[in-house]
Amino acid sequence: MSTGNRKVLIVEDNKLNMKLFRDILTSEACVVIECFDPMFAMDTIAREMPNLILMDIQLPRISGYDLIKWIKADANYNHIPIIAITAFAMEDDKEKILSLGCEGYMSKPISMDPFIENVNKFLENKN
């Protein structure tokens, strides 16, 4: 399996969550790019051009909502699918996130099998 189309950017400020996502994605033959500070997310996207973005919503200084809006408003990056991963699990939160242009939504704590299925669904569309 080629990793050329399996580059995943994780925007997450929690080190334990980042490690969990990284370990799962690495086991699925993904190249993982980590971004702990949302202030650097746009620069990281421009530099790395990931095939998928996993976006935490509750981030310091800049919310995941704002980052999603900026990514989806930028013609250079709006084609990159975003899966929001959040502890906000209310139905209206999910609707708000999807209305911003996110292609997917998962609530924390994640379940491993649905997480892998969701990620692979977006990465396999890139072939």
C-alpha atoms as a PDB file:
ATOM      1  CA  MET A   1       0.000   0.000   0.000  1.00  0.00           C
ATOM      2  CA  SER A   2       1.505   3.330  -1.043  1.00  0.00           C
ATOM      3  CA  THR A   3       1.723   6.056   1.562  1.00  0.00           C
ATOM      4  CA  GLY A   4       1.849   8.757  -1.134  1.00  0.00           C
ATOM      5  CA  ASN A   5      -1.860   9.436  -0.842  1.00  0.00           C
ATOM      6  CA  ARG A   6      -2.116   8.639   2.873  1.00  0.00           C
ATOM      7  CA  LYS A   7      -0.676  11.812   4.399  1.00  0.00           C
ATOM      8  CA  VAL A   8      -2.789  12.829   7.395  1.00  0.00           C
ATOM      9  CA  LEU A   9      -2.464  16.072   9.332  1.00  0.00           C
ATOM     10  CA  ILE A  10      -3.663  15.903  12.942  1.00  0.00           C
ATOM     11  CA  VAL A  11      -4.487  19.231  14.611  1.00  0.00           C
ATOM     12  CA  GLU A  12      -4.757  18.298  18.292  1.00  0.00           C
ATOM     13  CA  ASP A  13      -3.405  19.982  21.432  1.00  0.00           C
ATOM     14  CA  ASN A  14      -3.760  16.956  23.742  1.00  0.00           C
ATOM     15  CA  LYS A  15      -0.599  14.816  23.700  1.00  0.00           C
ATOM     16  CA  LEU A  16      -2.391  11.592  24.690  1.00  0.00           C
ATOM     17  CA  ASN A  17      -4.991  11.999  21.941  1.00  0.00           C
ATOM     18  CA  MET A  18      -2.235  12.821  19.453  1.00  0.00           C
ATOM     19  CA  LYS A  19      -0.308   9.677  20.407  1.00  0.00           C
ATOM     20  CA  LEU A  20      -3.435   7.528  20.078  1.00  0.00           C
ATOM     21  CA  PHE A  21      -4.298   8.933  16.636  1.00  0.00           C
ATOM     22  CA  ARG A  22      -0.660   8.708  15.473  1.00  0.00           C
ATOM     23  CA  ASP A  23      -0.329   5.084  16.610  1.00  0.00           C
ATOM     24  CA  ILE A  24      -3.551   4.040  14.884  1.00  0.00           C
ATOM     25  CA  LEU A  25      -2.764   5.909  11.656  1.00  0.00           C
ATOM     26  CA  THR A  26       0.812   4.644  11.519  1.00  0.00           C
ATOM     27  CA  SER A  27      -0.488   1.085  11.828  1.00  0.00           C
ATOM     28  CA  GLU A  28      -2.724   1.868   8.822  1.00  0.00           C
ATOM     29  CA  ALA A  29       0.270   2.879   6.656  1.00  0.00           C
ATOM     30  CA  CYS A  30      -0.395   6.606   6.952  1.00  0.00           C
ATOM     31  CA  VAL A  31       2.202   9.345   7.028  1.00  0.00           C
ATOM     32  CA  VAL A  32       1.301  11.426  10.077  1.00  0.00           C
ATOM     33  CA  ILE A  33       1.959  15.143  10.410  1.00  0.00           C
ATOM     34  CA  GLU A  34       1.365  16.520  13.898  1.00  0.00           C
ATOM     35  CA  CYS A  35       0.257  20.046  14.697  1.00  0.00           C
ATOM     36  CA  PHE A  36      -0.160  20.742  18.424  1.00  0.00           C
ATOM     37  CA  ASP A  37      -0.544  24.510  18.034  1.00  0.00           C
ATOM     38  CA  PRO A  38      -3.447  25.693  15.863  1.00  0.00           C
ATOM     39  CA  MET A  39      -1.550  28.937  15.190  1.00  0.00           C
ATOM     40  CA  PHE A  40       0.687  26.900  12.851  1.00  0.00           C
ATOM     41  CA  ALA A  41      -2.044  24.814  11.201  1.00  0.00           C
ATOM     42  CA  MET A  42      -2.414  26.866   8.007  1.00  0.00           C
ATOM     43  CA  ASP A  43       1.368  27.007   7.476  1.00  0.00           C
ATOM     44  CA  THR A  44       1.578  23.255   8.043  1.00  0.00           C
ATOM     45  CA  ILE A  45      -1.199  22.615   5.513  1.00  0.00           C
ATOM     46  CA  ALA A  46       0.536  24.822   2.935  1.00  0.00           C
ATOM     47  CA  ARG A  47       3.879  23.085   3.474  1.00  0.00           C
ATOM     48  CA  GLU A  48       2.669  19.472   3.698  1.00  0.00           C
ATOM     49  CA  MET A  49      -0.495  19.411   1.530  1.00  0.00           C
ATOM     50  CA  PRO A  50      -2.069  16.487   3.428  1.00  0.00           C
ATOM     51  CA  ASN A  51      -4.651  14.152   1.906  1.00  0.00           C
ATOM     52  CA  LEU A  52      -6.803  14.366   5.044  1.00  0.00           C
ATOM     53  CA  ILE A  53      -7.043  16.606   8.111  1.00  0.00           C
ATOM     54  CA  LEU A  54      -8.188  15.412  11.529  1.00  0.00           C
ATOM     55  CA  MET A  55      -9.285  18.514  13.409  1.00  0.00           C
ATOM     56  CA  ASP A  56      -9.885  18.888  17.126  1.00  0.00           C
ATOM     57  CA  ILE A  57     -12.517  21.560  17.803  1.00  0.00           C
ATOM     58  CA  GLN A  58     -11.495  22.695  21.291  1.00  0.00           C
ATOM     59  CA  LEU A  59      -8.079  24.222  20.701  1.00  0.00           C
ATOM     60  CA  PRO A  60      -6.171  26.999  22.483  1.00  0.00           C
ATOM     61  CA  ARG A  61      -6.261  30.525  20.970  1.00  0.00           C
ATOM     62  CA  ILE A  62      -7.981  29.523  17.718  1.00  0.00           C
ATOM     63  CA  SER A  63     -11.007  27.258  17.625  1.00  0.00           C
ATOM     64  CA  GLY A  64     -11.257  24.334  15.272  1.00  0.00           C
ATOM     65  CA  TYR A  65     -14.396  26.018  13.915  1.00  0.00           C
ATOM     66  CA  ASP A  66     -12.328  28.988  12.727  1.00  0.00           C
ATOM     67  CA  LEU A  67      -9.624  26.786  11.226  1.00  0.00           C
ATOM     68  CA  ILE A  68     -12.217  24.788   9.318  1.00  0.00           C
ATOM     69  CA  LYS A  69     -13.757  28.019   7.967  1.00  0.00           C
ATOM     70  CA  TRP A  70     -10.335  29.300   6.852  1.00  0.00           C
ATOM     71  CA  ILE A  71      -9.372  26.026   5.171  1.00  0.00           C
ATOM     72  CA  LYS A  72     -12.690  25.717   3.363  1.00  0.00           C
ATOM     73  CA  ALA A  73     -12.541  29.381   2.259  1.00  0.00           C
ATOM     74  CA  ASP A  74      -9.105  28.926   0.662  1.00  0.00           C
ATOM     75  CA  ALA A  75      -9.185  27.622  -2.903  1.00  0.00           C
ATOM     76  CA  ASN A  76      -5.734  26.063  -2.433  1.00  0.00           C
ATOM     77  CA  TYR A  77      -6.913  23.815   0.404  1.00  0.00           C
ATOM     78  CA  ASN A  78     -10.703  23.522   0.322  1.00  0.00           C
ATOM     79  CA  HIS A  79     -10.474  20.182  -1.525  1.00  0.00           C
ATOM     80  CA  ILE A  80      -8.760  18.541   1.470  1.00  0.00           C
ATOM     81  CA  PRO A  81     -11.318  16.543   3.464  1.00  0.00           C
ATOM     82  CA  ILE A  82     -11.586  17.382   7.156  1.00  0.00           C
ATOM     83  CA  ILE A  83     -12.840  15.062   9.879  1.00  0.00           C
ATOM     84  CA  ALA A  84     -13.686  16.926  13.071  1.00  0.00           C
ATOM     85  CA  ILE A  85     -12.889  14.981  16.214  1.00  0.00           C
ATOM     86  CA  THR A  86     -14.441  16.523  19.271  1.00  0.00           C
ATOM     87  CA  ALA A  87     -15.762  16.019  22.749  1.00  0.00           C
ATOM     88  CA  PHE A  88     -18.729  18.181  21.727  1.00  0.00           C
ATOM     89  CA  ALA A  89     -21.185  15.374  21.133  1.00  0.00           C
ATOM     90  CA  MET A  90     -24.504  17.196  20.949  1.00  0.00           C
ATOM     91  CA  GLU A  91     -26.495  16.866  17.738  1.00  0.00           C
ATOM     92  CA  ASP A  92     -26.459  20.624  17.066  1.00  0.00           C
ATOM     93  CA  ASP A  93     -22.655  20.620  17.433  1.00  0.00           C
ATOM     94  CA  LYS A  94     -22.433  17.929  14.786  1.00  0.00           C
ATOM     95  CA  GLU A  95     -24.727  19.906  12.468  1.00  0.00           C
ATOM     96  CA  LYS A  96     -22.688  23.099  13.006  1.00  0.00           C
ATOM     97  CA  ILE A  97     -19.435  21.283  12.239  1.00  0.00           C
ATOM     98  CA  LEU A  98     -20.798  19.647   9.095  1.00  0.00           C
ATOM     99  CA  SER A  99     -22.344  22.953   7.952  1.00  0.00           C
ATOM    100  CA  LEU A 100     -18.850  24.514   7.986  1.00  0.00           C
ATOM    101  CA  GLY A 101     -17.816  22.089   5.275  1.00  0.00           C
ATOM    102  CA  CYS A 102     -16.343  19.206   7.250  1.00  0.00           C
ATOM    103  CA  GLU A 103     -16.683  15.926   5.427  1.00  0.00           C
ATOM    104  CA  GLY A 104     -16.776  13.882   8.617  1.00  0.00           C
ATOM    105  CA  TYR A 105     -17.381  14.023  12.345  1.00  0.00           C
ATOM    106  CA  MET A 106     -16.357  11.758  15.213  1.00  0.00           C
ATOM    107  CA  SER A 107     -16.900  12.239  18.913  1.00  0.00           C
ATOM    108  CA  LYS A 108     -14.317  11.588  21.609  1.00  0.00           C
ATOM    109  CA  PRO A 109     -13.488   9.189  22.985  1.00  0.00           C
ATOM    110  CA  ILE A 110     -13.073   7.556  19.590  1.00  0.00           C
ATOM    111  CA  SER A 111     -13.772   3.907  18.871  1.00  0.00           C
ATOM    112  CA  MET A 112     -10.909   2.347  16.971  1.00  0.00           C
ATOM    113  CA  ASP A 113     -12.741   0.447  14.212  1.00  0.00           C
ATOM    114  CA  PRO A 114     -15.066   3.315  13.187  1.00  0.00           C
ATOM    115  CA  PHE A 115     -12.088   5.689  13.337  1.00  0.00           C
ATOM    116  CA  ILE A 116     -10.069   3.498  10.945  1.00  0.00           C
ATOM    117  CA  GLU A 117     -13.071   3.025   8.632  1.00  0.00           C
ATOM    118  CA  ASN A 118     -13.750   6.759   8.521  1.00  0.00           C
ATOM    119  CA  VAL A 119     -10.120   7.662   7.781  1.00  0.00           C
ATOM    120  CA  ASN A 120      -9.740   4.968   5.117  1.00  0.00           C
ATOM    121  CA  LYS A 121     -12.988   6.031   3.434  1.00  0.00           C
ATOM    122  CA  PHE A 122     -11.500   9.452   2.707  1.00  0.00           C
ATOM    123  CA  LEU A 123      -8.003   8.263   1.841  1.00  0.00           C
ATOM    124  CA  GLU A 124      -9.196   5.555  -0.541  1.00  0.00           C
ATOM    125  CA  ASN A 125     -11.221   8.149  -2.469  1.00  0.00           C
ATOM    126  CA  LYS A 126      -7.886   9.743  -3.402  1.00  0.00           C
ATOM    127  CA  ASN A 127      -6.765   6.812  -5.572  1.00  0.00           C
END
